[in-house]
């Protein structure tokens, strides 16, 4: 219960901090990770849309980070997704120290219903 209250407060603080910006709340995962999308970053090319997300973790990840900013591309026709670039930070809302940034060794993957990726798909491909 204590963890849930801490995460709930984090969501409220995060939503308020981004109320006047281009970051829009998307979803909270079962592990209390909170996801936002940058509506102003969406770029369409054919069937695909490239955009940025911000993720605040419910607890520090194994690298000690509390948030990350990731560039994704979703193909709306094939319902597939790929991560293009990732930056991790040691504080929420991509604040604090940039701890790592890299191009993931990723490939296109199907988007599964009832996941955060599906929520992103529904948002960008509407």
Protein backbone atom coordinates (compact mmCIF):
# COMPACT_ATOMS: atom_id res chain seq x y z
CA UNK A 1 0.00 0.00 0.00
CA UNK A 2 2.88 2.34 0.83
CA UNK A 3 4.41 1.79 -2.64
CA UNK A 4 1.04 2.41 -4.33
CA UNK A 5 0.59 5.73 -2.49
CA UNK A 6 4.10 6.85 -3.43
CA UNK A 7 3.46 6.01 -7.08
CA UNK A 8 0.05 7.71 -7.02
CA UNK A 9 1.65 10.89 -5.67
CA UNK A 10 4.33 10.65 -8.35
CA UNK A 11 1.63 10.47 -11.02
CA UNK A 12 -0.14 13.55 -9.62
CA UNK A 13 3.12 15.52 -9.44
CA UNK A 14 4.12 14.38 -12.92
CA UNK A 15 0.75 15.21 -14.47
CA UNK A 16 0.76 18.65 -12.84
CA UNK A 17 4.34 19.30 -13.94
CA UNK A 18 3.41 18.58 -17.54
CA UNK A 19 -0.07 20.12 -17.60
CA UNK A 20 1.05 23.07 -19.75
CA UNK A 21 3.47 21.18 -21.98
CA UNK A 22 3.31 18.89 -24.95
CA UNK A 23 3.61 15.69 -22.83
CA UNK A 24 0.28 13.86 -22.52
CA UNK A 25 -0.41 11.00 -20.11
CA UNK A 26 -0.95 7.66 -21.87
CA UNK A 27 -1.01 4.82 -19.36
CA UNK A 28 0.36 3.34 -16.13
CA UNK A 29 1.71 -0.20 -16.28
CA UNK A 30 1.14 -2.96 -13.73
CA UNK A 31 4.63 -2.23 -12.38
CA UNK A 32 3.62 1.44 -11.84
CA UNK A 33 5.65 2.83 -14.72
CA UNK A 34 3.94 6.01 -15.97
CA UNK A 35 3.97 6.72 -19.73
CA UNK A 36 3.58 10.03 -21.57
CA UNK A 37 3.70 10.92 -25.27
CA UNK A 38 4.98 14.13 -26.82
CA UNK A 39 2.15 15.12 -29.17
CA UNK A 40 4.34 17.77 -30.81
CA UNK A 41 6.97 15.22 -31.83
CA UNK A 42 4.77 13.12 -34.12
CA UNK A 43 6.08 12.86 -37.67
CA UNK A 44 4.15 10.88 -40.27
CA UNK A 45 5.79 9.08 -43.17
CA UNK A 46 3.53 6.81 -45.20
CA UNK A 47 1.95 4.25 -42.85
CA UNK A 48 4.42 5.04 -40.04
CA UNK A 49 4.51 7.65 -37.27
CA UNK A 50 7.66 8.47 -35.31
CA UNK A 51 7.32 10.10 -31.86
CA UNK A 52 8.88 10.45 -28.39
CA UNK A 53 7.68 9.00 -25.08
CA UNK A 54 8.69 9.77 -21.51
CA UNK A 55 8.54 6.99 -18.93
CA UNK A 56 8.74 7.54 -15.18
CA UNK A 57 9.59 4.25 -13.48
CA UNK A 58 7.68 3.08 -10.40
CA UNK A 59 11.08 2.32 -8.85
CA UNK A 60 14.66 2.68 -10.02
CA UNK A 61 15.61 0.24 -12.77
CA UNK A 62 18.63 -2.08 -12.54
CA UNK A 63 20.87 0.74 -13.83
CA UNK A 64 19.64 3.11 -11.11
CA UNK A 65 17.56 5.26 -13.46
CA UNK A 66 14.15 6.77 -12.68
CA UNK A 67 13.03 7.86 -16.16
CA UNK A 68 13.72 7.54 -19.85
CA UNK A 69 12.88 9.26 -23.09
CA UNK A 70 12.47 6.97 -26.09
CA UNK A 71 11.87 7.60 -29.77
CA UNK A 72 9.54 5.02 -31.33
CA UNK A 73 8.11 4.36 -34.76
CA UNK A 74 4.76 2.63 -35.20
CA UNK A 75 3.55 1.26 -38.51
CA UNK A 76 -0.23 1.81 -38.30
CA UNK A 77 -1.04 -0.57 -41.16
CA UNK A 78 0.98 -3.59 -39.92
CA UNK A 79 0.54 -2.80 -36.19
CA UNK A 80 4.26 -3.10 -35.51
CA UNK A 81 6.63 -0.96 -33.45
CA UNK A 82 10.37 -0.31 -33.22
CA UNK A 83 12.44 1.73 -30.74
CA UNK A 84 14.81 4.19 -32.45
CA UNK A 85 16.69 5.98 -29.66
CA UNK A 86 16.75 5.92 -25.85
CA UNK A 87 18.03 8.30 -23.17
CA UNK A 88 17.93 7.42 -19.44
CA UNK A 89 18.00 9.79 -16.45
CA UNK A 90 18.60 9.36 -12.74
CA UNK A 91 15.51 11.40 -11.75
CA UNK A 92 11.85 11.50 -12.81
CA UNK A 93 10.61 13.56 -15.79
CA UNK A 94 13.97 13.23 -17.54
CA UNK A 95 15.55 15.46 -14.91
CA UNK A 96 18.82 14.94 -13.16
CA UNK A 97 21.83 13.40 -14.83
CA UNK A 98 21.68 11.81 -18.28
CA UNK A 99 23.12 8.38 -17.45
CA UNK A 100 23.08 6.72 -20.86
CA UNK A 101 21.87 7.22 -24.41
CA UNK A 102 21.96 4.75 -27.25
CA UNK A 103 20.34 3.33 -30.35
CA UNK A 104 18.67 0.06 -29.27
CA UNK A 105 19.50 -3.08 -31.22
CA UNK A 106 15.85 -3.53 -31.94
CA UNK A 107 13.69 -4.94 -34.70
CA UNK A 108 10.06 -4.46 -35.63
CA UNK A 109 7.76 -6.28 -33.21
CA UNK A 110 3.98 -6.84 -33.23
CA UNK A 111 1.92 -4.62 -30.93
CA UNK A 112 -0.02 -6.74 -28.45
CA UNK A 113 -3.52 -5.62 -27.36
CA UNK A 114 -3.98 -4.47 -23.75
CA UNK A 115 -0.39 -3.26 -23.37
CA UNK A 116 1.21 0.16 -23.10
CA UNK A 117 2.37 -0.25 -26.70
CA UNK A 118 -1.26 -0.78 -27.72
CA UNK A 119 -2.22 2.45 -25.90
CA UNK A 120 0.48 4.25 -27.90
CA UNK A 121 -0.75 2.63 -31.12
CA UNK A 122 -4.32 3.76 -30.43
CA UNK A 123 -3.13 7.30 -29.70
CA UNK A 124 -0.91 7.85 -32.74
CA UNK A 125 -2.88 5.83 -35.32
CA UNK A 126 -6.36 7.19 -34.56
